[in-house]
Protein backbone atom coordinates (compact mmCIF):
# COMPACT_ATOMS: atom_id res chain seq x y z
CA MET A 1 50.31 -1.85 -27.85
CA LEU A 2 47.96 -1.43 -24.91
CA ILE A 3 47.42 2.23 -25.83
CA VAL A 4 46.24 1.20 -29.32
CA ALA A 5 43.78 -1.31 -27.88
CA ASP A 6 42.43 1.34 -25.51
CA LEU A 7 42.00 3.81 -28.37
CA VAL A 8 40.17 1.22 -30.48
CA ALA A 9 37.85 0.43 -27.56
CA LEU A 10 37.20 4.12 -26.98
CA ALA A 11 36.46 4.66 -30.69
CA LEU A 12 34.03 1.73 -30.69
CA PHE A 13 32.35 3.08 -27.56
CA GLY A 14 31.98 6.55 -29.08
CA ALA A 15 30.69 5.20 -32.38
CA LEU A 16 28.15 3.06 -30.55
CA LEU A 17 26.93 6.02 -28.51
CA TRP A 18 26.60 8.21 -31.62
CA CYS A 19 24.73 5.51 -33.55
CA ALA A 20 22.40 4.70 -30.64
CA VAL A 21 21.46 8.35 -30.13
CA THR A 22 20.97 8.81 -33.88
CA VAL A 23 18.56 5.86 -34.04
CA ALA A 24 16.70 7.09 -30.94
CA ARG A 25 15.90 10.32 -32.82
CA PHE A 26 14.06 8.53 -35.65
CA ARG A 27 10.43 9.32 -34.79
CA GLU A 28 8.90 7.10 -37.48
CA LEU A 29 10.31 3.90 -35.95
CA PRO A 30 8.37 2.01 -33.29
CA THR A 31 9.55 2.79 -29.79
CA ARG A 32 11.12 -0.60 -29.15
CA ARG A 33 13.20 -0.37 -32.35
CA ARG A 34 14.24 3.20 -31.57
CA PHE A 35 15.51 2.51 -28.10
CA LEU A 36 16.92 -1.03 -28.43
CA PRO A 37 20.44 0.12 -29.44
CA LEU A 38 20.42 2.63 -26.60
CA ALA A 39 19.28 -0.03 -24.12
CA LEU A 40 22.05 -2.36 -25.28
CA PHE A 41 24.54 0.50 -24.92
CA LEU A 42 23.41 1.14 -21.35
CA THR A 43 23.70 -2.58 -20.57
CA VAL A 44 27.27 -2.56 -21.86
CA LEU A 45 27.98 0.53 -19.78
CA ALA A 46 26.68 -1.25 -16.67
CA ALA A 47 28.87 -4.26 -17.46
CA SER A 48 31.88 -1.96 -17.80
CA ILE A 49 31.11 -0.41 -14.44
CA LEU A 50 31.03 -3.91 -12.94
CA ARG A 51 34.49 -4.47 -14.38
CA GLY A 52 35.67 -1.35 -12.57
CA ALA A 53 34.04 -2.58 -9.36
CA GLY A 54 36.05 -5.80 -9.43
CA ILE A 55 33.61 -8.19 -11.16
CA PRO A 56 35.26 -8.69 -14.56
CA GLN A 57 33.60 -12.04 -15.38
CA ILE A 58 30.26 -10.47 -16.31
CA ALA A 59 31.88 -7.75 -18.39
CA ALA A 60 34.09 -10.24 -20.19
CA ALA A 61 31.12 -12.44 -21.00
CA ILE A 62 28.61 -9.88 -22.28
CA ALA A 63 30.27 -6.54 -23.02
CA PHE A 64 31.88 -7.24 -26.39
CA PRO A 65 29.01 -9.27 -27.91
CA LEU A 66 26.49 -6.64 -26.82
CA ASN A 67 28.70 -3.88 -28.22
CA LEU A 68 28.77 -5.59 -31.59
CA ALA A 69 25.05 -6.36 -31.55
CA ALA A 70 24.13 -2.77 -30.68
CA LEU A 71 26.48 -1.32 -33.29
CA ILE A 72 25.25 -3.64 -36.06
CA LEU A 73 21.61 -2.99 -35.13
CA ALA A 74 22.09 0.78 -35.06
CA ILE A 75 23.98 0.87 -38.35
CA THR A 76 21.29 -1.26 -39.99
CA GLU A 77 18.55 1.09 -38.76
CA ILE A 78 20.50 4.15 -39.98
CA ARG A 79 21.03 2.61 -43.42
CA THR A 80 17.37 1.60 -43.66
CA HIS A 81 16.30 5.11 -42.68
CA ARG A 82 18.59 6.68 -45.31
CA HIS A 83 17.35 4.24 -47.95
CA ARG A 84 13.71 5.14 -47.17
CA GLN A 85 14.51 8.86 -47.35
CA HIS A 86 16.26 8.42 -50.67
CA GLN A 87 13.29 6.59 -52.19
CA ALA A 88 10.72 9.11 -50.95
């Protein structure tokens, strides 16, 4: 069962990275909106590194909520971008 949980976490991590990089490529968005998902991703990465360094409290407190926030934000920006392209 632990293998399945690890695979789900790895899939979420990969999806978040792909979405964050995709949003960062949208030139028509303001800079802060383009790079916010990527900044949240890097914050989660830093929290995961702290978990590996023996400080799991910080990672347990912020990693999962920031993962979800970054993923939801990136998916919303991607959908908005596709909707604008479709209407143009």
